[in-house]
């Protein structure tokens, strides 16, 4: 994997984690709303899966 591709994947992974942090904050702030809480949890789980996939690509397990 070349340096540019690796850089892009790391940048994409960082953006996913920043988005997840925002969702986590919103989930905490609006924890009284059960539906919103569960919606945010599903979104965070999806972001976690995407970030995990990128990590596996960076480690060489998968090819993009």
Protein backbone atom coordinates (compact mmCIF):
# COMPACT_ATOMS: atom_id res chain seq x y z
CA UNK A 1 0.00 0.00 0.00
CA UNK A 2 1.45 3.33 -0.97
CA UNK A 3 1.87 6.25 1.41
CA UNK A 4 -0.90 8.38 -0.10
CA UNK A 5 -3.49 5.62 0.15
CA UNK A 6 -2.47 4.92 3.75
CA UNK A 7 -2.73 8.63 4.59
CA UNK A 8 -6.23 8.84 3.07
CA UNK A 9 -7.42 5.78 4.98
CA UNK A 10 -6.08 7.14 8.27
CA UNK A 11 -7.70 10.51 7.58
CA UNK A 12 -11.01 8.80 6.81
CA UNK A 13 -10.73 6.72 9.99
CA UNK A 14 -10.06 9.85 12.06
CA UNK A 15 -13.11 11.59 10.56
CA UNK A 16 -15.28 8.60 11.48
CA UNK A 17 -14.07 8.71 15.07
CA UNK A 18 -14.69 12.46 15.30
CA UNK A 19 -18.23 11.94 14.03
CA UNK A 20 -18.67 9.15 16.58
CA UNK A 21 -17.55 11.48 19.37
CA UNK A 22 -20.23 13.99 18.36
CA UNK A 23 -22.87 11.25 18.34
CA UNK A 24 -21.71 10.08 21.76
CA UNK A 25 -22.02 13.62 23.12
CA UNK A 26 -25.52 13.98 21.66
CA UNK A 27 -26.51 10.61 23.07
CA UNK A 28 -25.36 11.69 26.53
CA UNK A 29 -27.06 15.07 26.33
CA UNK A 30 -30.38 13.57 25.22
CA UNK A 31 -30.30 10.34 27.18
CA UNK A 32 -33.83 10.95 28.48
CA UNK A 33 -35.19 10.31 24.97
CA UNK A 34 -35.06 6.52 24.63
CA UNK A 35 -35.62 6.46 20.86
CA UNK A 36 -32.93 9.04 20.19
CA UNK A 37 -30.55 7.22 22.52
CA UNK A 38 -30.99 3.94 20.64
CA UNK A 39 -30.76 5.66 17.26
CA UNK A 40 -27.45 7.26 18.23
CA UNK A 41 -26.20 3.90 19.50
CA UNK A 42 -26.96 2.27 16.15
CA UNK A 43 -25.18 5.08 14.33
CA UNK A 44 -22.14 4.78 16.61
CA UNK A 45 -22.05 1.01 16.12
CA UNK A 46 -22.09 1.51 12.34
CA UNK A 47 -19.24 4.02 12.58
CA UNK A 48 -17.28 1.60 14.77
CA UNK A 49 -17.68 -1.11 12.14
CA UNK A 50 -16.49 1.20 9.37
CA UNK A 51 -13.48 2.32 11.41
CA UNK A 52 -12.66 -1.30 12.26
CA UNK A 53 -12.77 -2.22 8.57
CA UNK A 54 -10.38 0.62 7.76
CA UNK A 55 -8.06 -0.53 10.54
CA UNK A 56 -8.03 -4.03 9.07
CA UNK A 57 -7.21 -2.62 5.63
CA UNK A 58 -4.35 -0.60 7.13
CA UNK A 59 -3.03 -3.74 8.85
CA UNK A 60 -3.10 -5.59 5.54
CA UNK A 61 -5.91 -8.03 6.27
CA UNK A 62 -8.20 -6.77 3.53
CA UNK A 63 -7.82 -5.01 0.26
CA UNK A 64 -10.03 -2.02 -0.41
